[in-house]
Structures are given as structure tokens and as C-alpha cells.
Amino acid sequence: HAWIGIRDVCMDYVHFVWGRVVAYLLFASWLVACVIYSF
């Protein structure tokens, strides 16, 4: 749910492609770490 939301926010407000890629990588890494920790 958070991934879909942050991806949509980045698509709407981060206009620089590499900035969007970096934001995706950072947020996706954090979400994966949270899921692993929850497991």
C-alpha cells in the first residue's frame, strides 16, 4: 500500500528522472528491510 502511494507521489511531484529512480530505490529498500524485519 505504501509502495503504490509513494510511487504515485513521486510520479506526480519528482520531475527529474534520476531523482525519481533514487527515491524509488531508497524507499523500496526500506520497505523490503521492514518486511524482512517483520518476518
PDB file of all heavy atoms in Angstrom:
ATOM      1  N   HIS A   1       0.847  -1.196   0.000  1.00  0.00           N
ATOM      2  CA  HIS A   1       0.000   0.000   0.000  1.00  0.00           C
ATOM      3  C   HIS A   1       0.891   1.258   0.000  1.00  0.00           C
ATOM      4  O   HIS A   1       0.648   2.197  -0.763  1.00  0.00           O
ATOM      5  CB  HIS A   1      -0.898  -0.029   1.239  1.00  0.00           C
ATOM      6  CG  HIS A   1      -1.973   0.986   1.242  1.00  0.00           C
ATOM      7  ND1 HIS A   1      -3.215   0.740   0.707  1.00  0.00           N
ATOM      8  CD2 HIS A   1      -2.019   2.247   1.737  1.00  0.00           C
ATOM      9  CE1 HIS A   1      -3.972   1.809   0.874  1.00  0.00           C
ATOM     10  NE2 HIS A   1      -3.267   2.736   1.497  1.00  0.00           N
ATOM     11  N   ALA A   2       1.912   1.238   0.837  1.00  0.00           N
ATOM     12  CA  ALA A   2       2.834   2.375   0.906  1.00  0.00           C
ATOM     13  C   ALA A   2       3.604   2.526  -0.400  1.00  0.00           C
ATOM     14  O   ALA A   2       3.834   3.647  -0.870  1.00  0.00           O
ATOM     15  CB  ALA A   2       3.791   2.195   2.077  1.00  0.00           C
ATOM     16  N   TRP A   3       4.008   1.406  -0.993  1.00  0.00           N
ATOM     17  CA  TRP A   3       4.750   1.467  -2.248  1.00  0.00           C
ATOM     18  C   TRP A   3       3.923   2.125  -3.348  1.00  0.00           C
ATOM     19  O   TRP A   3       4.416   2.997  -4.073  1.00  0.00           O
ATOM     20  CB  TRP A   3       5.199   0.074  -2.688  1.00  0.00           C
ATOM     21  CG  TRP A   3       5.755   0.103  -4.068  1.00  0.00           C
ATOM     22  CD1 TRP A   3       5.179  -0.398  -5.192  1.00  0.00           C
ATOM     23  CD2 TRP A   3       6.972   0.725  -4.481  1.00  0.00           C
ATOM     24  NE1 TRP A   3       5.979  -0.146  -6.278  1.00  0.00           N
ATOM     25  CE2 TRP A   3       7.089   0.551  -5.874  1.00  0.00           C
ATOM     26  CE3 TRP A   3       7.978   1.414  -3.807  1.00  0.00           C
ATOM     27  CZ2 TRP A   3       8.169   1.045  -6.596  1.00  0.00           C
ATOM     28  CZ3 TRP A   3       9.052   1.901  -4.540  1.00  0.00           C
ATOM     29  CH2 TRP A   3       9.137   1.714  -5.915  1.00  0.00           C
ATOM     30  N   ILE A   4       2.676   1.729  -3.481  1.00  0.00           N
ATOM     31  CA  ILE A   4       1.816   2.326  -4.511  1.00  0.00           C
ATOM     32  C   ILE A   4       1.665   3.821  -4.265  1.00  0.00           C
ATOM     33  O   ILE A   4       1.772   4.639  -5.178  1.00  0.00           O
ATOM     34  CB  ILE A   4       0.434   1.635  -4.561  1.00  0.00           C
ATOM     35  CG1 ILE A   4       0.570   0.198  -5.039  1.00  0.00           C
ATOM     36  CG2 ILE A   4      -0.519   2.400  -5.475  1.00  0.00           C
ATOM     37  CD1 ILE A   4      -0.706  -0.612  -4.926  1.00  0.00           C
ATOM     38  N   GLY A   5       1.443   4.191  -3.011  1.00  0.00           N
ATOM     39  CA  GLY A   5       1.269   5.599  -2.677  1.00  0.00           C
ATOM     40  C   GLY A   5       2.509   6.427  -2.953  1.00  0.00           C
ATOM     41  O   GLY A   5       2.437   7.493  -3.584  1.00  0.00           O
ATOM     42  N   ILE A   6       3.675   5.955  -2.508  1.00  0.00           N
ATOM     43  CA  ILE A   6       4.897   6.733  -2.705  1.00  0.00           C
ATOM     44  C   ILE A   6       5.277   6.783  -4.177  1.00  0.00           C
ATOM     45  O   ILE A   6       5.778   7.805  -4.663  1.00  0.00           O
ATOM     46  CB  ILE A   6       6.053   6.217  -1.835  1.00  0.00           C
ATOM     47  CG1 ILE A   6       7.149   7.287  -1.708  1.00  0.00           C
ATOM     48  CG2 ILE A   6       6.689   4.980  -2.401  1.00  0.00           C
ATOM     49  CD1 ILE A   6       6.775   8.475  -0.920  1.00  0.00           C
ATOM     50  N   ARG A   7       5.009   5.709  -4.902  1.00  0.00           N
ATOM     51  CA  ARG A   7       5.309   5.712  -6.333  1.00  0.00           C
ATOM     52  C   ARG A   7       4.454   6.752  -7.055  1.00  0.00           C
ATOM     53  O   ARG A   7       4.948   7.511  -7.894  1.00  0.00           O
ATOM     54  CB  ARG A   7       5.065   4.320  -6.929  1.00  0.00           C
ATOM     55  CG  ARG A   7       5.602   4.204  -8.348  1.00  0.00           C
ATOM     56  CD  ARG A   7       5.046   3.042  -9.090  1.00  0.00           C
ATOM     57  NE  ARG A   7       3.608   3.218  -9.220  1.00  0.00           N
ATOM     58  CZ  ARG A   7       2.726   2.231  -9.113  1.00  0.00           C
ATOM     59  NH1 ARG A   7       3.117   1.007  -8.896  1.00  0.00           N
ATOM     60  NH2 ARG A   7       1.442   2.467  -9.241  1.00  0.00           N
ATOM     61  N   ASP A   8       3.191   6.819  -6.700  1.00  0.00           N
ATOM     62  CA  ASP A   8       2.310   7.810  -7.332  1.00  0.00           C
ATOM     63  C   ASP A   8       2.716   9.237  -6.972  1.00  0.00           C
ATOM     64  O   ASP A   8       2.692  10.128  -7.827  1.00  0.00           O
ATOM     65  CB  ASP A   8       0.857   7.552  -6.940  1.00  0.00           C
ATOM     66  CG  ASP A   8       0.310   6.291  -7.586  1.00  0.00           C
ATOM     67  OD1 ASP A   8       0.969   5.737  -8.493  1.00  0.00           O
ATOM     68  OD2 ASP A   8      -0.787   5.851  -7.167  1.00  0.00           O
ATOM     69  N   VAL A   9       3.093   9.453  -5.719  1.00  0.00           N
ATOM     70  CA  VAL A   9       3.543  10.788  -5.308  1.00  0.00           C
ATOM     71  C   VAL A   9       4.813  11.169  -6.072  1.00  0.00           C
ATOM     72  O   VAL A   9       4.938  12.303  -6.561  1.00  0.00           O
ATOM     73  CB  VAL A   9       3.769  10.848  -3.780  1.00  0.00           C
ATOM     74  CG1 VAL A   9       4.519  12.099  -3.373  1.00  0.00           C
ATOM     75  CG2 VAL A   9       2.439  10.771  -3.049  1.00  0.00           C
ATOM     76  N   CYS A  10       5.754  10.230  -6.182  1.00  0.00           N
ATOM     77  CA  CYS A  10       6.989  10.516  -6.927  1.00  0.00           C
ATOM     78  C   CYS A  10       6.693  10.805  -8.396  1.00  0.00           C
ATOM     79  O   CYS A  10       7.297  11.710  -8.982  1.00  0.00           O
ATOM     80  CB  CYS A  10       7.970   9.353  -6.804  1.00  0.00           C
ATOM     81  SG  CYS A  10       8.792   9.270  -5.208  1.00  0.00           S
ATOM     82  N   MET A  11       5.794  10.045  -9.000  1.00  0.00           N
ATOM     83  CA  MET A  11       5.465  10.287 -10.412  1.00  0.00           C
ATOM     84  C   MET A  11       4.859  11.669 -10.594  1.00  0.00           C
ATOM     85  O   MET A  11       5.094  12.326 -11.611  1.00  0.00           O
ATOM     86  CB  MET A  11       4.496   9.220 -10.929  1.00  0.00           C
ATOM     87  CG  MET A  11       5.170   7.933 -11.280  1.00  0.00           C
ATOM     88  SD  MET A  11       4.113   6.805 -12.187  1.00  0.00           S
ATOM     89  CE  MET A  11       2.938   6.312 -10.950  1.00  0.00           C
ATOM     90  N   ASP A  12       4.084  12.128  -9.610  1.00  0.00           N
ATOM     91  CA  ASP A  12       3.432  13.424  -9.745  1.00  0.00           C
ATOM     92  C   ASP A  12       4.344  14.596  -9.418  1.00  0.00           C
ATOM     93  O   ASP A  12       4.221  15.660 -10.021  1.00  0.00           O
ATOM     94  CB  ASP A  12       2.204  13.488  -8.838  1.00  0.00           C
ATOM     95  CG  ASP A  12       1.076  12.603  -9.310  1.00  0.00           C
ATOM     96  OD1 ASP A  12       1.097  12.186 -10.484  1.00  0.00           O
ATOM     97  OD2 ASP A  12       0.166  12.302  -8.497  1.00  0.00           O
ATOM     98  N   TYR A  13       5.259  14.434  -8.461  1.00  0.00           N
ATOM     99  CA  TYR A  13       5.989  15.588  -7.941  1.00  0.00           C
ATOM    100  C   TYR A  13       7.496  15.565  -8.143  1.00  0.00           C
ATOM    101  O   TYR A  13       8.146  16.587  -7.947  1.00  0.00           O
ATOM    102  CB  TYR A  13       5.684  15.768  -6.449  1.00  0.00           C
ATOM    103  CG  TYR A  13       4.224  16.065  -6.219  1.00  0.00           C
ATOM    104  CD1 TYR A  13       3.375  15.113  -5.676  1.00  0.00           C
ATOM    105  CD2 TYR A  13       3.692  17.298  -6.587  1.00  0.00           C
ATOM    106  CE1 TYR A  13       2.034  15.379  -5.485  1.00  0.00           C
ATOM    107  CE2 TYR A  13       2.350  17.569  -6.397  1.00  0.00           C
ATOM    108  CZ  TYR A  13       1.532  16.608  -5.849  1.00  0.00           C
ATOM    109  OH  TYR A  13       0.212  16.881  -5.676  1.00  0.00           O
ATOM    110  N   VAL A  14       8.091  14.421  -8.488  1.00  0.00           N
ATOM    111  CA  VAL A  14       9.531  14.379  -8.748  1.00  0.00           C
ATOM    112  C   VAL A  14       9.705  14.316 -10.260  1.00  0.00           C
ATOM    113  O   VAL A  14       9.515  13.268 -10.867  1.00  0.00           O
ATOM    114  CB  VAL A  14      10.201  13.170  -8.044  1.00  0.00           C
ATOM    115  CG1 VAL A  14      11.692  13.160  -8.328  1.00  0.00           C
ATOM    116  CG2 VAL A  14       9.936  13.201  -6.548  1.00  0.00           C
ATOM    117  N   HIS A  15      10.046  15.435 -10.841  1.00  0.00           N
ATOM    118  CA  HIS A  15      10.071  15.534 -12.295  1.00  0.00           C
ATOM    119  C   HIS A  15      11.405  15.104 -12.899  1.00  0.00           C
ATOM    120  O   HIS A  15      11.470  14.735 -14.060  1.00  0.00           O
ATOM    121  CB  HIS A  15       9.725  16.961 -12.728  1.00  0.00           C
ATOM    122  CG  HIS A  15       8.380  17.381 -12.231  1.00  0.00           C
ATOM    123  ND1 HIS A  15       7.212  16.836 -12.698  1.00  0.00           N
ATOM    124  CD2 HIS A  15       8.016  18.254 -11.267  1.00  0.00           C
ATOM    125  CE1 HIS A  15       6.186  17.368 -12.063  1.00  0.00           C
ATOM    126  NE2 HIS A  15       6.647  18.238 -11.190  1.00  0.00           N
ATOM    127  N   PHE A  16      12.465  15.138 -12.111  1.00  0.00           N
ATOM    128  CA  PHE A  16      13.780  14.715 -12.577  1.00  0.00           C
ATOM    129  C   PHE A  16      13.839  13.190 -12.498  1.00  0.00           C
ATOM    130  O   PHE A  16      13.642  12.597 -11.432  1.00  0.00           O
ATOM    131  CB  PHE A  16      14.851  15.367 -11.701  1.00  0.00           C
ATOM    132  CG  PHE A  16      16.255  15.047 -12.118  1.00  0.00           C
ATOM    133  CD1 PHE A  16      16.724  15.386 -13.385  1.00  0.00           C
ATOM    134  CD2 PHE A  16      17.116  14.416 -11.239  1.00  0.00           C
ATOM    135  CE1 PHE A  16      18.016  15.095 -13.761  1.00  0.00           C
ATOM    136  CE2 PHE A  16      18.412  14.121 -11.610  1.00  0.00           C
ATOM    137  CZ  PHE A  16      18.870  14.459 -12.871  1.00  0.00           C
ATOM    138  N   VAL A  17      14.087  12.520 -13.628  1.00  0.00           N
ATOM    139  CA  VAL A  17      14.011  11.054 -13.708  1.00  0.00           C
ATOM    140  C   VAL A  17      14.950  10.395 -12.708  1.00  0.00           C
ATOM    141  O   VAL A  17      14.561   9.454 -11.998  1.00  0.00           O
ATOM    142  CB  VAL A  17      14.293  10.563 -15.142  1.00  0.00           C
ATOM    143  CG1 VAL A  17      14.354   9.048 -15.181  1.00  0.00           C
ATOM    144  CG2 VAL A  17      13.233  11.079 -16.094  1.00  0.00           C
ATOM    145  N   TRP A  18      16.204  10.858 -12.624  1.00  0.00           N
ATOM    146  CA  TRP A  18      17.148  10.207 -11.702  1.00  0.00           C
ATOM    147  C   TRP A  18      16.758  10.443 -10.248  1.00  0.00           C
ATOM    148  O   TRP A  18      16.993   9.593  -9.389  1.00  0.00           O
ATOM    149  CB  TRP A  18      18.572  10.665 -11.974  1.00  0.00           C
ATOM    150  CG  TRP A  18      19.086   9.997 -13.209  1.00  0.00           C
ATOM    151  CD1 TRP A  18      19.258  10.575 -14.435  1.00  0.00           C
ATOM    152  CD2 TRP A  18      19.430   8.621 -13.346  1.00  0.00           C
ATOM    153  NE1 TRP A  18      19.699   9.631 -15.340  1.00  0.00           N
ATOM    154  CE2 TRP A  18      19.812   8.417 -14.690  1.00  0.00           C
ATOM    155  CE3 TRP A  18      19.446   7.537 -12.480  1.00  0.00           C
ATOM    156  CZ2 TRP A  18      20.215   7.186 -15.171  1.00  0.00           C
ATOM    157  CZ3 TRP A  18      19.852   6.313 -12.962  1.00  0.00           C
ATOM    158  CH2 TRP A  18      20.225   6.151 -14.286  1.00  0.00           C
ATOM    159  N   GLY A  19      16.149  11.558  -9.971  1.00  0.00           N
ATOM    160  CA  GLY A  19      15.653  11.803  -8.613  1.00  0.00           C
ATOM    161  C   GLY A  19      14.554  10.819  -8.255  1.00  0.00           C
ATOM    162  O   GLY A  19      14.492  10.298  -7.133  1.00  0.00           O
ATOM    163  N   ARG A  20      13.712  10.536  -9.234  1.00  0.00           N
ATOM    164  CA  ARG A  20      12.637   9.560  -9.036  1.00  0.00           C
ATOM    165  C   ARG A  20      13.208   8.161  -8.835  1.00  0.00           C
ATOM    166  O   ARG A  20      12.775   7.417  -7.955  1.00  0.00           O
ATOM    167  CB  ARG A  20      11.692   9.597 -10.237  1.00  0.00           C
ATOM    168  CG  ARG A  20      10.402   8.884 -10.006  1.00  0.00           C
ATOM    169  CD  ARG A  20       9.453   9.011 -11.178  1.00  0.00           C
ATOM    170  NE  ARG A  20       9.308  10.391 -11.591  1.00  0.00           N
ATOM    171  CZ  ARG A  20       9.158  10.772 -12.857  1.00  0.00           C
ATOM    172  NH1 ARG A  20       9.147   9.879 -13.820  1.00  0.00           N
ATOM    173  NH2 ARG A  20       9.021  12.033 -13.156  1.00  0.00           N
ATOM    174  N   VAL A  21      14.213   7.800  -9.628  1.00  0.00           N
ATOM    175  CA  VAL A  21      14.838   6.482  -9.511  1.00  0.00           C
ATOM    176  C   VAL A  21      15.479   6.323  -8.130  1.00  0.00           C
ATOM    177  O   VAL A  21      15.331   5.295  -7.472  1.00  0.00           O
ATOM    178  CB  VAL A  21      15.871   6.259 -10.642  1.00  0.00           C
ATOM    179  CG1 VAL A  21      16.710   5.024 -10.378  1.00  0.00           C
ATOM    180  CG2 VAL A  21      15.164   6.159 -11.978  1.00  0.00           C
ATOM    181  N   VAL A  22      16.190   7.358  -7.686  1.00  0.00           N
ATOM    182  CA  VAL A  22      16.834   7.303  -6.364  1.00  0.00           C
ATOM    183  C   VAL A  22      15.773   7.182  -5.275  1.00  0.00           C
ATOM    184  O   VAL A  22      15.917   6.375  -4.337  1.00  0.00           O
ATOM    185  CB  VAL A  22      17.733   8.539  -6.142  1.00  0.00           C
ATOM    186  CG1 VAL A  22      18.175   8.642  -4.694  1.00  0.00           C
ATOM    187  CG2 VAL A  22      18.934   8.488  -7.073  1.00  0.00           C
ATOM    188  N   ALA A  23      14.696   7.947  -5.378  1.00  0.00           N
ATOM    189  CA  ALA A  23      13.627   7.870  -4.381  1.00  0.00           C
ATOM    190  C   ALA A  23      13.007   6.471  -4.368  1.00  0.00           C
ATOM    191  O   ALA A  23      12.763   5.903  -3.293  1.00  0.00           O
ATOM    192  CB  ALA A  23      12.558   8.925  -4.677  1.00  0.00           C
ATOM    193  N   TYR A  24      12.770   5.908  -5.544  1.00  0.00           N
ATOM    194  CA  TYR A  24      12.227   4.547  -5.622  1.00  0.00           C
ATOM    195  C   TYR A  24      13.157   3.533  -4.966  1.00  0.00           C
ATOM    196  O   TYR A  24      12.724   2.673  -4.195  1.00  0.00           O
ATOM    197  CB  TYR A  24      12.013   4.124  -7.073  1.00  0.00           C
ATOM    198  CG  TYR A  24      10.878   4.787  -7.807  1.00  0.00           C
ATOM    199  CD1 TYR A  24      10.786   4.693  -9.182  1.00  0.00           C
ATOM    200  CD2 TYR A  24       9.887   5.486  -7.135  1.00  0.00           C
ATOM    201  CE1 TYR A  24       9.748   5.290  -9.880  1.00  0.00           C
ATOM    202  CE2 TYR A  24       8.857   6.085  -7.826  1.00  0.00           C
ATOM    203  CZ  TYR A  24       8.786   5.984  -9.198  1.00  0.00           C
ATOM    204  OH  TYR A  24       7.766   6.568  -9.873  1.00  0.00           O
ATOM    205  N   LEU A  25      14.444   3.618  -5.285  1.00  0.00           N
ATOM    206  CA  LEU A  25      15.406   2.664  -4.733  1.00  0.00           C
ATOM    207  C   LEU A  25      15.504   2.781  -3.213  1.00  0.00           C
ATOM    208  O   LEU A  25      15.526   1.765  -2.507  1.00  0.00           O
ATOM    209  CB  LEU A  25      16.774   2.855  -5.375  1.00  0.00           C
ATOM    210  CG  LEU A  25      16.901   2.388  -6.812  1.00  0.00           C
ATOM    211  CD1 LEU A  25      18.256   2.791  -7.388  1.00  0.00           C
ATOM    212  CD2 LEU A  25      16.700   0.886  -6.916  1.00  0.00           C
ATOM    213  N   LEU A  26      15.563   3.995  -2.709  1.00  0.00           N
ATOM    214  CA  LEU A  26      15.650   4.185  -1.260  1.00  0.00           C
ATOM    215  C   LEU A  26      14.396   3.679  -0.558  1.00  0.00           C
ATOM    216  O   LEU A  26      14.474   2.956   0.445  1.00  0.00           O
ATOM    217  CB  LEU A  26      15.886   5.657  -0.929  1.00  0.00           C
ATOM    218  CG  LEU A  26      17.253   6.224  -1.287  1.00  0.00           C
ATOM    219  CD1 LEU A  26      17.286   7.726  -1.047  1.00  0.00           C
ATOM    220  CD2 LEU A  26      18.345   5.527  -0.497  1.00  0.00           C
ATOM    221  N   PHE A  27      13.246   4.053  -1.080  1.00  0.00           N
ATOM    222  CA  PHE A  27      12.003   3.657  -0.429  1.00  0.00           C
ATOM    223  C   PHE A  27      11.759   2.160  -0.560  1.00  0.00           C
ATOM    224  O   PHE A  27      11.353   1.506   0.407  1.00  0.00           O
ATOM    225  CB  PHE A  27      10.822   4.445  -1.002  1.00  0.00           C
ATOM    226  CG  PHE A  27       9.625   4.406  -0.107  1.00  0.00           C
ATOM    227  CD1 PHE A  27       9.604   5.126   1.074  1.00  0.00           C
ATOM    228  CD2 PHE A  27       8.531   3.633  -0.435  1.00  0.00           C
ATOM    229  CE1 PHE A  27       8.504   5.079   1.914  1.00  0.00           C
ATOM    230  CE2 PHE A  27       7.423   3.585   0.392  1.00  0.00           C
ATOM    231  CZ  PHE A  27       7.411   4.314   1.572  1.00  0.00           C
ATOM    232  N   ALA A  28      12.039   1.593  -1.725  1.00  0.00           N
ATOM    233  CA  ALA A  28      11.858   0.150  -1.907  1.00  0.00           C
ATOM    234  C   ALA A  28      12.798  -0.629  -0.994  1.00  0.00           C
ATOM    235  O   ALA A  28      12.401  -1.641  -0.398  1.00  0.00           O
ATOM    236  CB  ALA A  28      12.089  -0.234  -3.368  1.00  0.00           C
ATOM    237  N   SER A  29      14.035  -0.168  -0.861  1.00  0.00           N
ATOM    238  CA  SER A  29      14.986  -0.836   0.035  1.00  0.00           C
ATOM    239  C   SER A  29      14.493  -0.797   1.472  1.00  0.00           C
ATOM    240  O   SER A  29      14.570  -1.791   2.203  1.00  0.00           O
ATOM    241  CB  SER A  29      16.358  -0.166  -0.048  1.00  0.00           C
ATOM    242  OG  SER A  29      16.864  -0.249  -1.339  1.00  0.00           O
ATOM    243  N   TRP A  30      13.989   0.350   1.881  1.00  0.00           N
ATOM    244  CA  TRP A  30      13.473   0.500   3.246  1.00  0.00           C
ATOM    245  C   TRP A  30      12.262  -0.418   3.455  1.00  0.00           C
ATOM    246  O   TRP A  30      12.164  -1.082   4.496  1.00  0.00           O
ATOM    247  CB  TRP A  30      13.105   1.956   3.508  1.00  0.00           C
ATOM    248  CG  TRP A  30      12.580   2.185   4.876  1.00  0.00           C
ATOM    249  CD1 TRP A  30      13.278   2.158   6.046  1.00  0.00           C
ATOM    250  CD2 TRP A  30      11.222   2.464   5.231  1.00  0.00           C
ATOM    251  NE1 TRP A  30      12.430   2.402   7.100  1.00  0.00           N
ATOM    252  CE2 TRP A  30      11.169   2.603   6.628  1.00  0.00           C
ATOM    253  CE3 TRP A  30      10.051   2.619   4.487  1.00  0.00           C
ATOM    254  CZ2 TRP A  30       9.984   2.885   7.294  1.00  0.00           C
ATOM    255  CZ3 TRP A  30       8.886   2.896   5.168  1.00  0.00           C
ATOM    256  CH2 TRP A  30       8.858   3.034   6.551  1.00  0.00           C
ATOM    257  N   LEU A  31      11.356  -0.496   2.492  1.00  0.00           N
ATOM    258  CA  LEU A  31      10.184  -1.368   2.620  1.00  0.00           C
ATOM    259  C   LEU A  31      10.575  -2.838   2.681  1.00  0.00           C
ATOM    260  O   LEU A  31      10.024  -3.600   3.483  1.00  0.00           O
ATOM    261  CB  LEU A  31       9.207  -1.130   1.468  1.00  0.00           C
ATOM    262  CG  LEU A  31       8.369   0.125   1.551  1.00  0.00           C
ATOM    263  CD1 LEU A  31       7.549   0.289   0.273  1.00  0.00           C
ATOM    264  CD2 LEU A  31       7.463   0.114   2.758  1.00  0.00           C
ATOM    265  N   VAL A  32      11.515  -3.254   1.841  1.00  0.00           N
ATOM    266  CA  VAL A  32      11.976  -4.646   1.871  1.00  0.00           C
ATOM    267  C   VAL A  32      12.604  -4.963   3.227  1.00  0.00           C
ATOM    268  O   VAL A  32      12.343  -6.017   3.818  1.00  0.00           O
ATOM    269  CB  VAL A  32      12.953  -4.929   0.705  1.00  0.00           C
ATOM    270  CG1 VAL A  32      13.663  -6.256   0.890  1.00  0.00           C
ATOM    271  CG2 VAL A  32      12.208  -4.895  -0.616  1.00  0.00           C
ATOM    272  N   ALA A  33      13.411  -4.046   3.747  1.00  0.00           N
ATOM    273  CA  ALA A  33      14.021  -4.252   5.067  1.00  0.00           C
ATOM    274  C   ALA A  33      12.947  -4.358   6.147  1.00  0.00           C
ATOM    275  O   ALA A  33      13.042  -5.212   7.045  1.00  0.00           O
ATOM    276  CB  ALA A  33      14.991  -3.111   5.377  1.00  0.00           C
ATOM    277  N   CYS A  34      11.912  -3.541   6.064  1.00  0.00           N
ATOM    278  CA  CYS A  34      10.820  -3.605   7.043  1.00  0.00           C
ATOM    279  C   CYS A  34      10.076  -4.934   6.968  1.00  0.00           C
ATOM    280  O   CYS A  34       9.738  -5.519   8.004  1.00  0.00           O
ATOM    281  CB  CYS A  34       9.842  -2.444   6.830  1.00  0.00           C
ATOM    282  SG  CYS A  34      10.485  -0.853   7.344  1.00  0.00           S
ATOM    283  N   VAL A  35       9.816  -5.416   5.769  1.00  0.00           N
ATOM    284  CA  VAL A  35       9.116  -6.696   5.611  1.00  0.00           C
ATOM    285  C   VAL A  35       9.982  -7.842   6.132  1.00  0.00           C
ATOM    286  O   VAL A  35       9.483  -8.740   6.825  1.00  0.00           O
ATOM    287  CB  VAL A  35       8.706  -6.922   4.141  1.00  0.00           C
ATOM    288  CG1 VAL A  35       8.255  -8.358   3.899  1.00  0.00           C
ATOM    289  CG2 VAL A  35       7.610  -5.945   3.749  1.00  0.00           C
ATOM    290  N   ILE A  36      11.269  -7.816   5.833  1.00  0.00           N
ATOM    291  CA  ILE A  36      12.167  -8.860   6.343  1.00  0.00           C
ATOM    292  C   ILE A  36      12.202  -8.818   7.868  1.00  0.00           C
ATOM    293  O   ILE A  36      12.112  -9.856   8.533  1.00  0.00           O
ATOM    294  CB  ILE A  36      13.578  -8.704   5.746  1.00  0.00           C
ATOM    295  CG1 ILE A  36      13.552  -9.046   4.266  1.00  0.00           C
ATOM    296  CG2 ILE A  36      14.600  -9.576   6.490  1.00  0.00           C
ATOM    297  CD1 ILE A  36      14.822  -8.690   3.520  1.00  0.00           C
ATOM    298  N   TYR A  37      12.299  -7.628   8.438  1.00  0.00           N
ATOM    299  CA  TYR A  37      12.324  -7.490   9.887  1.00  0.00           C
ATOM    300  C   TYR A  37      11.007  -7.958  10.505  1.00  0.00           C
ATOM    301  O   TYR A  37      11.003  -8.625  11.548  1.00  0.00           O
ATOM    302  CB  TYR A  37      12.629  -6.038  10.262  1.00  0.00           C
ATOM    303  CG  TYR A  37      12.888  -5.823  11.723  1.00  0.00           C
ATOM    304  CD1 TYR A  37      13.939  -6.471  12.361  1.00  0.00           C
ATOM    305  CD2 TYR A  37      12.097  -4.971  12.473  1.00  0.00           C
ATOM    306  CE1 TYR A  37      14.191  -6.279  13.701  1.00  0.00           C
ATOM    307  CE2 TYR A  37      12.337  -4.766  13.812  1.00  0.00           C
ATOM    308  CZ  TYR A  37      13.383  -5.422  14.424  1.00  0.00           C
ATOM    309  OH  TYR A  37      13.617  -5.225  15.750  1.00  0.00           O
ATOM    310  N   SER A  38       9.888  -7.635   9.868  1.00  0.00           N
ATOM    311  CA  SER A  38       8.596  -8.096  10.387  1.00  0.00           C
ATOM    312  C   SER A  38       8.517  -9.614  10.368  1.00  0.00           C
ATOM    313  O   SER A  38       7.999 -10.235  11.297  1.00  0.00           O
ATOM    314  CB  SER A  38       7.426  -7.485   9.609  1.00  0.00           C
ATOM    315  OG  SER A  38       7.306  -8.060   8.323  1.00  0.00           O
ATOM    316  N   PHE A  39       9.046 -10.222   9.313  1.00  0.00           N
ATOM    317  CA  PHE A  39       9.075 -11.688   9.240  1.00  0.00           C
ATOM    318  C   PHE A  39       9.900 -12.259  10.389  1.00  0.00           C
ATOM    319  O   PHE A  39       9.499 -13.235  11.034  1.00  0.00           O
ATOM    320  CB  PHE A  39       9.650 -12.138   7.892  1.00  0.00           C
ATOM    321  CG  PHE A  39       9.652 -13.626   7.714  1.00  0.00           C
ATOM    322  CD1 PHE A  39       8.516 -14.281   7.263  1.00  0.00           C
ATOM    323  CD2 PHE A  39      10.772 -14.375   8.009  1.00  0.00           C
ATOM    324  CE1 PHE A  39       8.501 -15.655   7.104  1.00  0.00           C
ATOM    325  CE2 PHE A  39      10.779 -15.754   7.860  1.00  0.00           C
ATOM    326  CZ  PHE A  39       9.630 -16.390   7.407  1.00  0.00           C
TER     327      PHE A  39
END
